[in-house]
Amino acid sequence: MTESSKNLGAMFAEFKREAFRLETLDDYGQSGGVDAYRAFLAGEEQPEGYRTAGWVTTVADATGAGKRLYRVHIVSRPLTDYLRFELAWGYHRNMAAGEEFFILDTTDQPNPIPEAPDFWAFDDESVAAMSYDGFGKYLGVEWYEDDERLAEFQRYRDTALAHAVPFTEWWAAFGE
């Protein structure tokens, strides 16, 4: 079942227990934080607006209320410029607010879920399957709440987590 009336942003205030994200792309460079990405590439300091972005408040509010926000990112080395930016700046910033990160590194192993799209899953009750163009620009979301589709996305989540390692462990071995 698809519900176009749902708002992805509102779900971060409405979920009750946990929100899980699967990231599958090497580049989300056209989907937000563009100025910060340019600063990173230029070797500049993080812009203040990036350090204090609304997402940081969203994460802190949710985790402060005892909710869990966590994600797995499927990556392969060498990292793209965008992934170097996201992991070095974004993940460290968001971790300080309470978000948890895991890395499924496919450099030396096959991707166990190559068919999985990017998505957010909320409380095992609702899934937002996300669409992007070939340049990492966010195009929109399709909502699912039927049991069959929820079970499919739960399998993606569980498989990703089973093959992933905590970000801090991965970063200590491969980070820059």
N, C-alpha and C. Protein backbone atom coordinates (compact mmCIF):
# COMPACT_ATOMS: atom_id res chain seq x y z
N MET A 1 0.86 -1.18 0.00
CA MET A 1 0.00 0.00 0.00
C MET A 1 0.90 1.23 0.00
N THR A 2 0.64 2.13 -0.88
CA THR A 2 1.39 3.37 -0.97
C THR A 2 0.52 4.51 -0.48
N GLU A 3 1.08 5.33 0.39
CA GLU A 3 0.35 6.49 0.89
C GLU A 3 1.17 7.73 0.59
N SER A 4 0.74 8.51 -0.37
CA SER A 4 1.48 9.71 -0.73
C SER A 4 1.25 10.84 0.26
N SER A 5 0.25 10.70 1.14
CA SER A 5 -0.05 11.77 2.09
C SER A 5 0.95 11.80 3.25
N LYS A 6 1.72 10.76 3.45
CA LYS A 6 2.71 10.74 4.53
C LYS A 6 3.83 11.71 4.21
N ASN A 7 4.38 12.28 5.26
CA ASN A 7 5.48 13.22 5.13
C ASN A 7 6.70 12.63 5.82
N LEU A 8 7.78 12.43 5.07
CA LEU A 8 8.98 11.82 5.63
C LEU A 8 9.52 12.62 6.81
N GLY A 9 9.59 13.92 6.67
CA GLY A 9 10.09 14.75 7.76
C GLY A 9 9.28 14.62 9.03
N ALA A 10 7.96 14.55 8.90
CA ALA A 10 7.10 14.44 10.08
C ALA A 10 7.28 13.10 10.79
N MET A 11 7.65 12.08 10.05
CA MET A 11 7.82 10.75 10.66
C MET A 11 8.91 10.75 11.74
N PHE A 12 9.89 11.64 11.63
CA PHE A 12 10.96 11.66 12.63
C PHE A 12 10.49 12.20 13.97
N ALA A 13 9.40 12.92 13.99
CA ALA A 13 8.80 13.35 15.24
C ALA A 13 7.75 12.35 15.73
N GLU A 14 7.19 11.58 14.80
CA GLU A 14 6.06 10.70 15.12
C GLU A 14 6.44 9.27 15.48
N PHE A 15 7.62 8.79 15.04
CA PHE A 15 7.92 7.39 15.33
C PHE A 15 8.09 7.18 16.83
N LYS A 16 7.84 5.94 17.27
CA LYS A 16 7.78 5.67 18.70
C LYS A 16 9.04 5.02 19.27
N ARG A 17 9.65 4.10 18.51
CA ARG A 17 10.76 3.32 19.05
C ARG A 17 12.05 3.46 18.25
N GLU A 18 11.95 3.19 16.95
CA GLU A 18 13.18 3.19 16.16
C GLU A 18 12.93 3.58 14.71
N ALA A 19 13.96 4.19 14.15
CA ALA A 19 13.98 4.53 12.74
C ALA A 19 15.29 4.00 12.18
N PHE A 20 15.18 3.19 11.15
CA PHE A 20 16.35 2.57 10.52
C PHE A 20 16.49 3.06 9.09
N ARG A 21 17.71 3.33 8.67
CA ARG A 21 17.99 3.80 7.31
C ARG A 21 19.00 2.87 6.64
N LEU A 22 18.71 2.49 5.42
CA LEU A 22 19.68 1.79 4.59
C LEU A 22 20.11 2.75 3.50
N GLU A 23 21.41 2.99 3.41
CA GLU A 23 21.99 3.84 2.37
C GLU A 23 22.76 2.93 1.41
N THR A 24 22.48 3.08 0.13
CA THR A 24 23.10 2.21 -0.87
C THR A 24 23.94 2.95 -1.89
N LEU A 25 23.86 4.27 -1.91
CA LEU A 25 24.54 5.05 -2.95
C LEU A 25 25.93 5.51 -2.52
N ASP A 26 26.76 5.77 -3.53
CA ASP A 26 28.10 6.33 -3.30
C ASP A 26 28.09 7.84 -3.30
N ASP A 27 26.97 8.44 -3.72
CA ASP A 27 26.93 9.89 -3.85
C ASP A 27 25.51 10.41 -3.67
N TYR A 28 25.32 11.22 -2.62
CA TYR A 28 24.06 11.94 -2.38
C TYR A 28 24.31 13.44 -2.49
N GLY A 29 25.31 13.81 -3.27
CA GLY A 29 25.80 15.17 -3.32
C GLY A 29 24.82 16.22 -3.78
N GLN A 30 23.73 15.83 -4.39
CA GLN A 30 22.73 16.81 -4.84
C GLN A 30 21.51 16.83 -3.93
N SER A 31 21.60 16.19 -2.77
CA SER A 31 20.43 16.04 -1.91
C SER A 31 20.47 16.84 -0.62
N GLY A 32 21.41 17.70 -0.46
CA GLY A 32 21.48 18.49 0.76
C GLY A 32 22.92 18.62 1.21
N GLY A 33 23.20 19.63 1.98
CA GLY A 33 24.55 19.85 2.47
C GLY A 33 25.53 20.19 1.36
N VAL A 34 25.03 20.74 0.27
CA VAL A 34 25.87 21.01 -0.90
C VAL A 34 26.98 21.99 -0.56
N ASP A 35 26.68 23.03 0.20
CA ASP A 35 27.71 24.00 0.57
C ASP A 35 28.78 23.36 1.46
N ALA A 36 28.36 22.51 2.38
CA ALA A 36 29.31 21.82 3.25
C ALA A 36 30.18 20.87 2.42
N TYR A 37 29.58 20.20 1.47
CA TYR A 37 30.34 19.29 0.60
C TYR A 37 31.41 20.07 -0.16
N ARG A 38 31.04 21.21 -0.71
CA ARG A 38 32.01 22.06 -1.42
C ARG A 38 33.13 22.50 -0.47
N ALA A 39 32.79 22.87 0.75
CA ALA A 39 33.80 23.27 1.74
C ALA A 39 34.74 22.12 2.04
N PHE A 40 34.20 20.93 2.20
CA PHE A 40 35.01 19.74 2.46
C PHE A 40 36.00 19.53 1.31
N LEU A 41 35.50 19.57 0.08
CA LEU A 41 36.35 19.35 -1.09
C LEU A 41 37.44 20.42 -1.19
N ALA A 42 37.14 21.63 -0.73
CA ALA A 42 38.10 22.73 -0.80
C ALA A 42 39.06 22.75 0.39
N GLY A 43 38.89 21.81 1.33
CA GLY A 43 39.76 21.76 2.49
C GLY A 43 39.46 22.83 3.53
N GLU A 44 38.25 23.37 3.48
CA GLU A 44 37.85 24.41 4.43
C GLU A 44 37.24 23.79 5.68
N GLU A 45 36.96 24.63 6.66
CA GLU A 45 36.31 24.18 7.88
C GLU A 45 34.82 23.94 7.63
N GLN A 46 34.22 23.15 8.51
CA GLN A 46 32.79 22.91 8.40
C GLN A 46 32.03 24.21 8.60
N PRO A 47 31.10 24.52 7.72
CA PRO A 47 30.26 25.71 7.92
C PRO A 47 29.42 25.55 9.20
N GLU A 48 29.24 26.64 9.90
CA GLU A 48 28.45 26.62 11.14
C GLU A 48 27.06 26.05 10.90
N GLY A 49 26.43 26.44 9.80
CA GLY A 49 25.09 25.95 9.49
C GLY A 49 25.04 24.44 9.30
N TYR A 50 26.13 23.85 8.88
CA TYR A 50 26.19 22.39 8.73
C TYR A 50 26.34 21.73 10.10
N ARG A 51 27.17 22.29 10.94
CA ARG A 51 27.39 21.71 12.28
C ARG A 51 26.12 21.75 13.11
N THR A 52 25.28 22.75 12.89
CA THR A 52 24.09 22.93 13.71
C THR A 52 22.80 22.71 12.91
N ALA A 53 22.88 21.92 11.85
CA ALA A 53 21.73 21.69 10.96
C ALA A 53 20.54 21.11 11.72
N GLY A 54 19.37 21.30 11.14
CA GLY A 54 18.14 20.80 11.75
C GLY A 54 18.15 19.32 12.03
N TRP A 55 18.85 18.55 11.18
CA TRP A 55 18.90 17.09 11.39
C TRP A 55 19.55 16.77 12.73
N VAL A 56 20.55 17.52 13.13
CA VAL A 56 21.22 17.28 14.41
C VAL A 56 20.22 17.44 15.55
N THR A 57 19.40 18.44 15.48
CA THR A 57 18.36 18.65 16.50
C THR A 57 17.33 17.53 16.46
N THR A 58 16.94 17.11 15.27
CA THR A 58 15.99 16.00 15.13
C THR A 58 16.53 14.75 15.79
N VAL A 59 17.78 14.42 15.52
CA VAL A 59 18.41 13.24 16.11
C VAL A 59 18.49 13.38 17.63
N ALA A 60 18.96 14.51 18.09
CA ALA A 60 19.11 14.72 19.54
C ALA A 60 17.76 14.65 20.25
N ASP A 61 16.73 15.21 19.66
CA ASP A 61 15.40 15.15 20.27
C ASP A 61 14.91 13.71 20.36
N ALA A 62 15.09 12.96 19.28
CA ALA A 62 14.61 11.57 19.26
C ALA A 62 15.39 10.70 20.25
N THR A 63 16.71 10.78 20.19
CA THR A 63 17.50 9.93 21.08
C THR A 63 17.37 10.36 22.53
N GLY A 64 17.18 11.66 22.75
CA GLY A 64 16.94 12.15 24.11
C GLY A 64 15.64 11.64 24.69
N ALA A 65 14.69 11.31 23.81
CA ALA A 65 13.41 10.74 24.24
C ALA A 65 13.45 9.21 24.31
N GLY A 66 14.65 8.65 24.15
CA GLY A 66 14.81 7.20 24.26
C GLY A 66 14.55 6.43 22.98
N LYS A 67 14.43 7.12 21.86
CA LYS A 67 14.22 6.46 20.57
C LYS A 67 15.57 6.15 19.93
N ARG A 68 15.57 5.18 19.04
CA ARG A 68 16.80 4.79 18.37
C ARG A 68 16.76 5.20 16.90
N LEU A 69 17.80 5.89 16.43
CA LEU A 69 18.01 6.17 15.02
C LEU A 69 19.32 5.49 14.63
N TYR A 70 19.26 4.64 13.62
CA TYR A 70 20.47 3.93 13.21
C TYR A 70 20.40 3.61 11.72
N ARG A 71 21.58 3.42 11.15
CA ARG A 71 21.64 3.17 9.72
C ARG A 71 22.82 2.30 9.36
N VAL A 72 22.67 1.66 8.21
CA VAL A 72 23.76 0.91 7.58
C VAL A 72 24.00 1.56 6.23
N HIS A 73 25.27 1.79 5.94
CA HIS A 73 25.64 2.29 4.61
C HIS A 73 26.47 1.22 3.92
N ILE A 74 26.06 0.86 2.72
CA ILE A 74 26.82 -0.10 1.92
C ILE A 74 27.86 0.69 1.14
N VAL A 75 29.13 0.37 1.36
CA VAL A 75 30.23 1.08 0.71
C VAL A 75 31.22 0.10 0.10
N SER A 76 32.03 0.62 -0.79
CA SER A 76 33.14 -0.12 -1.36
C SER A 76 34.31 0.84 -1.46
N ARG A 77 35.49 0.38 -1.08
CA ARG A 77 36.69 1.20 -1.16
C ARG A 77 37.33 1.06 -2.54
N PRO A 78 37.99 2.10 -3.04
CA PRO A 78 38.18 3.40 -2.41
C PRO A 78 36.88 4.20 -2.40
N LEU A 79 36.73 5.00 -1.37
CA LEU A 79 35.52 5.79 -1.20
C LEU A 79 35.47 6.92 -2.23
N THR A 80 34.26 7.25 -2.65
CA THR A 80 34.07 8.42 -3.48
C THR A 80 34.34 9.67 -2.63
N ASP A 81 34.54 10.80 -3.27
CA ASP A 81 34.70 12.05 -2.53
C ASP A 81 33.49 12.30 -1.63
N TYR A 82 32.31 12.01 -2.16
CA TYR A 82 31.11 12.26 -1.36
C TYR A 82 31.09 11.38 -0.11
N LEU A 83 31.44 10.11 -0.24
CA LEU A 83 31.45 9.24 0.94
C LEU A 83 32.50 9.68 1.94
N ARG A 84 33.64 10.12 1.47
CA ARG A 84 34.66 10.64 2.39
C ARG A 84 34.08 11.80 3.19
N PHE A 85 33.34 12.69 2.52
CA PHE A 85 32.69 13.81 3.19
C PHE A 85 31.63 13.33 4.17
N GLU A 86 30.73 12.48 3.71
CA GLU A 86 29.62 12.04 4.55
C GLU A 86 30.11 11.33 5.81
N LEU A 87 31.07 10.44 5.65
CA LEU A 87 31.56 9.68 6.79
C LEU A 87 32.42 10.54 7.72
N ALA A 88 33.28 11.38 7.15
CA ALA A 88 34.18 12.18 7.99
C ALA A 88 33.43 13.30 8.72
N TRP A 89 32.54 13.98 8.02
CA TRP A 89 31.85 15.11 8.64
C TRP A 89 30.47 14.73 9.15
N GLY A 90 29.65 14.16 8.29
CA GLY A 90 28.25 13.90 8.65
C GLY A 90 28.08 12.86 9.73
N TYR A 91 28.73 11.73 9.57
CA TYR A 91 28.54 10.66 10.55
C TYR A 91 29.07 11.07 11.92
N HIS A 92 30.24 11.68 11.96
CA HIS A 92 30.78 12.11 13.25
C HIS A 92 29.88 13.16 13.91
N ARG A 93 29.37 14.08 13.13
CA ARG A 93 28.45 15.11 13.65
C ARG A 93 27.19 14.45 14.21
N ASN A 94 26.60 13.55 13.45
CA ASN A 94 25.35 12.91 13.86
C ASN A 94 25.53 11.95 15.03
N MET A 95 26.69 11.29 15.10
CA MET A 95 26.96 10.40 16.23
C MET A 95 26.95 11.18 17.54
N ALA A 96 27.48 12.39 17.52
CA ALA A 96 27.49 13.22 18.73
C ALA A 96 26.07 13.51 19.21
N ALA A 97 25.10 13.48 18.30
CA ALA A 97 23.70 13.72 18.65
C ALA A 97 22.98 12.43 19.03
N GLY A 98 23.64 11.28 18.83
CA GLY A 98 23.05 10.01 19.26
C GLY A 98 22.69 9.03 18.16
N GLU A 99 22.91 9.38 16.90
CA GLU A 99 22.60 8.44 15.82
C GLU A 99 23.69 7.36 15.77
N GLU A 100 23.28 6.13 15.43
CA GLU A 100 24.21 5.00 15.33
C GLU A 100 24.45 4.67 13.86
N PHE A 101 25.70 4.29 13.54
CA PHE A 101 26.06 3.99 12.17
C PHE A 101 26.79 2.66 12.08
N PHE A 102 26.52 1.95 10.98
CA PHE A 102 27.17 0.70 10.68
C PHE A 102 27.58 0.73 9.21
N ILE A 103 28.66 0.03 8.90
CA ILE A 103 29.17 -0.03 7.53
C ILE A 103 29.16 -1.47 7.04
N LEU A 104 28.55 -1.66 5.87
CA LEU A 104 28.61 -2.94 5.18
C LEU A 104 29.58 -2.71 4.01
N ASP A 105 30.81 -3.16 4.18
CA ASP A 105 31.88 -2.92 3.20
C ASP A 105 31.90 -4.08 2.21
N THR A 106 31.64 -3.76 0.96
CA THR A 106 31.58 -4.80 -0.09
C THR A 106 32.87 -4.84 -0.92
N THR A 107 33.93 -4.24 -0.42
CA THR A 107 35.20 -4.24 -1.15
C THR A 107 35.69 -5.66 -1.39
N ASP A 108 35.63 -6.51 -0.37
CA ASP A 108 36.16 -7.87 -0.46
C ASP A 108 35.10 -8.94 -0.30
N GLN A 109 33.84 -8.56 -0.45
CA GLN A 109 32.74 -9.53 -0.35
C GLN A 109 31.58 -9.04 -1.21
N PRO A 110 30.76 -9.96 -1.69
CA PRO A 110 29.61 -9.50 -2.49
C PRO A 110 28.57 -8.81 -1.61
N ASN A 111 27.81 -7.94 -2.22
CA ASN A 111 26.72 -7.28 -1.53
C ASN A 111 25.62 -8.32 -1.30
N PRO A 112 25.25 -8.59 -0.04
CA PRO A 112 24.23 -9.60 0.23
C PRO A 112 22.81 -9.17 -0.12
N ILE A 113 22.61 -7.88 -0.40
CA ILE A 113 21.27 -7.38 -0.73
C ILE A 113 21.36 -6.38 -1.90
N PRO A 114 21.84 -6.81 -3.05
CA PRO A 114 22.04 -5.87 -4.16
C PRO A 114 20.74 -5.26 -4.69
N GLU A 115 19.63 -5.90 -4.41
CA GLU A 115 18.34 -5.41 -4.90
C GLU A 115 17.67 -4.40 -3.96
N ALA A 116 18.25 -4.20 -2.79
CA ALA A 116 17.63 -3.33 -1.78
C ALA A 116 17.74 -1.87 -2.19
N PRO A 117 16.63 -1.14 -2.08
CA PRO A 117 16.69 0.31 -2.33
C PRO A 117 17.07 1.06 -1.06
N ASP A 118 17.35 2.33 -1.20
CA ASP A 118 17.49 3.19 -0.04
C ASP A 118 16.12 3.27 0.64
N PHE A 119 16.11 3.25 1.97
CA PHE A 119 14.82 3.39 2.65
C PHE A 119 15.01 3.79 4.11
N TRP A 120 13.94 4.31 4.67
CA TRP A 120 13.79 4.49 6.10
C TRP A 120 12.66 3.55 6.54
N ALA A 121 12.84 2.85 7.65
CA ALA A 121 11.80 2.01 8.25
C ALA A 121 11.50 2.58 9.64
N PHE A 122 10.24 2.75 9.94
CA PHE A 122 9.81 3.34 11.20
C PHE A 122 9.01 2.32 12.01
N ASP A 123 9.56 1.91 13.16
CA ASP A 123 8.85 1.04 14.12
C ASP A 123 8.31 -0.25 13.50
N ASP A 124 8.90 -0.73 12.43
CA ASP A 124 8.39 -1.93 11.75
C ASP A 124 6.93 -1.79 11.36
N GLU A 125 6.48 -0.55 11.18
CA GLU A 125 5.09 -0.28 10.81
C GLU A 125 4.95 0.42 9.48
N SER A 126 6.01 1.10 9.05
CA SER A 126 5.94 1.93 7.86
C SER A 126 7.34 2.02 7.24
N VAL A 127 7.39 1.94 5.91
CA VAL A 127 8.66 2.06 5.19
C VAL A 127 8.53 3.14 4.13
N ALA A 128 9.56 3.96 4.06
CA ALA A 128 9.68 4.99 3.02
C ALA A 128 10.81 4.57 2.10
N ALA A 129 10.46 4.04 0.91
CA ALA A 129 11.46 3.67 -0.10
C ALA A 129 11.80 4.93 -0.88
N MET A 130 13.07 5.27 -0.90
CA MET A 130 13.51 6.55 -1.44
C MET A 130 14.08 6.38 -2.85
N SER A 131 13.85 7.40 -3.68
CA SER A 131 14.33 7.39 -5.06
C SER A 131 15.31 8.53 -5.27
N TYR A 132 16.35 8.26 -6.06
CA TYR A 132 17.37 9.25 -6.41
C TYR A 132 17.68 9.14 -7.89
N ASP A 133 18.16 10.24 -8.46
CA ASP A 133 18.61 10.17 -9.85
C ASP A 133 20.08 9.72 -9.86
N GLY A 134 20.67 9.64 -11.03
CA GLY A 134 22.04 9.16 -11.18
C GLY A 134 23.11 10.09 -10.60
N PHE A 135 22.70 11.27 -10.14
CA PHE A 135 23.65 12.24 -9.57
C PHE A 135 23.45 12.40 -8.07
N GLY A 136 22.65 11.53 -7.45
CA GLY A 136 22.43 11.60 -6.02
C GLY A 136 21.41 12.62 -5.59
N LYS A 137 20.57 13.07 -6.52
CA LYS A 137 19.52 14.03 -6.17
C LYS A 137 18.27 13.27 -5.74
N TYR A 138 17.76 13.63 -4.58
CA TYR A 138 16.55 13.00 -4.03
C TYR A 138 15.35 13.34 -4.92
N LEU A 139 14.61 12.30 -5.32
CA LEU A 139 13.45 12.50 -6.19
C LEU A 139 12.12 12.34 -5.48
N GLY A 140 12.10 11.55 -4.41
CA GLY A 140 10.84 11.33 -3.70
C GLY A 140 10.83 10.02 -2.96
N VAL A 141 9.66 9.70 -2.43
CA VAL A 141 9.51 8.54 -1.57
C VAL A 141 8.21 7.81 -1.91
N GLU A 142 8.25 6.51 -1.73
CA GLU A 142 7.05 5.68 -1.86
C GLU A 142 6.86 4.96 -0.53
N TRP A 143 5.65 5.03 0.00
CA TRP A 143 5.35 4.48 1.33
C TRP A 143 4.75 3.09 1.23
N TYR A 144 5.16 2.23 2.17
CA TYR A 144 4.60 0.88 2.27
C TYR A 144 4.23 0.60 3.71
N GLU A 145 3.08 -0.04 3.87
CA GLU A 145 2.64 -0.44 5.21
C GLU A 145 2.03 -1.83 5.22
N ASP A 146 1.99 -2.49 4.07
CA ASP A 146 1.41 -3.83 4.04
C ASP A 146 2.43 -4.84 4.57
N ASP A 147 1.93 -5.89 5.21
CA ASP A 147 2.78 -6.86 5.90
C ASP A 147 3.83 -7.49 5.00
N GLU A 148 3.47 -7.81 3.77
CA GLU A 148 4.42 -8.46 2.86
C GLU A 148 5.60 -7.55 2.55
N ARG A 149 5.32 -6.30 2.23
CA ARG A 149 6.41 -5.36 1.92
C ARG A 149 7.22 -5.03 3.17
N LEU A 150 6.54 -4.88 4.33
CA LEU A 150 7.28 -4.61 5.56
C LEU A 150 8.24 -5.75 5.86
N ALA A 151 7.81 -6.99 5.67
CA ALA A 151 8.68 -8.14 5.90
C ALA A 151 9.88 -8.12 4.96
N GLU A 152 9.68 -7.71 3.72
CA GLU A 152 10.77 -7.61 2.76
C GLU A 152 11.82 -6.60 3.24
N PHE A 153 11.39 -5.44 3.70
CA PHE A 153 12.32 -4.42 4.16
C PHE A 153 12.97 -4.81 5.49
N GLN A 154 12.26 -5.54 6.33
CA GLN A 154 12.85 -6.04 7.56
C GLN A 154 13.98 -7.02 7.24
N ARG A 155 13.80 -7.84 6.21
CA ARG A 155 14.87 -8.76 5.79
C ARG A 155 16.08 -7.98 5.29
N TYR A 156 15.84 -6.93 4.51
CA TYR A 156 16.95 -6.08 4.07
C TYR A 156 17.71 -5.53 5.28
N ARG A 157 16.97 -4.99 6.24
CA ARG A 157 17.59 -4.42 7.44
C ARG A 157 18.40 -5.47 8.19
N ASP A 158 17.77 -6.61 8.45
CA ASP A 158 18.43 -7.65 9.23
C ASP A 158 19.67 -8.20 8.53
N THR A 159 19.59 -8.38 7.22
CA THR A 159 20.74 -8.86 6.45
C THR A 159 21.85 -7.83 6.46
N ALA A 160 21.51 -6.57 6.26
CA ALA A 160 22.52 -5.51 6.28
C ALA A 160 23.23 -5.47 7.63
N LEU A 161 22.46 -5.50 8.71
CA LEU A 161 23.06 -5.45 10.04
C LEU A 161 23.92 -6.68 10.32
N ALA A 162 23.51 -7.84 9.84
CA ALA A 162 24.28 -9.07 10.06
C ALA A 162 25.64 -9.03 9.37
N HIS A 163 25.76 -8.26 8.29
CA HIS A 163 27.01 -8.20 7.53
C HIS A 163 27.80 -6.91 7.79
N ALA A 164 27.28 -6.03 8.60
CA ALA A 164 27.90 -4.73 8.85
C ALA A 164 28.71 -4.74 10.14
N VAL A 165 29.58 -3.75 10.24
CA VAL A 165 30.34 -3.54 11.47
C VAL A 165 30.04 -2.13 11.96
N PRO A 166 30.20 -1.91 13.26
CA PRO A 166 30.00 -0.55 13.77
C PRO A 166 30.92 0.43 13.03
N PHE A 167 30.38 1.61 12.75
CA PHE A 167 31.14 2.61 12.00
C PHE A 167 32.47 2.92 12.65
N THR A 168 32.51 3.09 13.97
CA THR A 168 33.76 3.47 14.64
C THR A 168 34.84 2.40 14.42
N GLU A 169 34.44 1.15 14.41
CA GLU A 169 35.38 0.06 14.15
C GLU A 169 35.89 0.13 12.71
N TRP A 170 34.97 0.31 11.77
CA TRP A 170 35.35 0.39 10.36
C TRP A 170 36.22 1.62 10.12
N TRP A 171 35.84 2.77 10.71
CA TRP A 171 36.58 4.01 10.51
C TRP A 171 38.00 3.90 11.05
N ALA A 172 38.16 3.21 12.18
CA ALA A 172 39.50 3.03 12.75
C ALA A 172 40.41 2.25 11.79
N ALA A 173 39.82 1.35 11.03
CA ALA A 173 40.61 0.54 10.09
C ALA A 173 40.79 1.22 8.74
N PHE A 174 39.77 1.94 8.26
CA PHE A 174 39.80 2.43 6.89
C PHE A 174 39.56 3.93 6.72
N GLY A 175 39.23 4.64 7.79
CA GLY A 175 38.93 6.05 7.68
C GLY A 175 40.15 6.88 7.33
N GLU A 176 39.87 8.11 6.99
CA GLU A 176 40.97 8.99 6.54
C GLU A 176 41.23 10.08 7.56
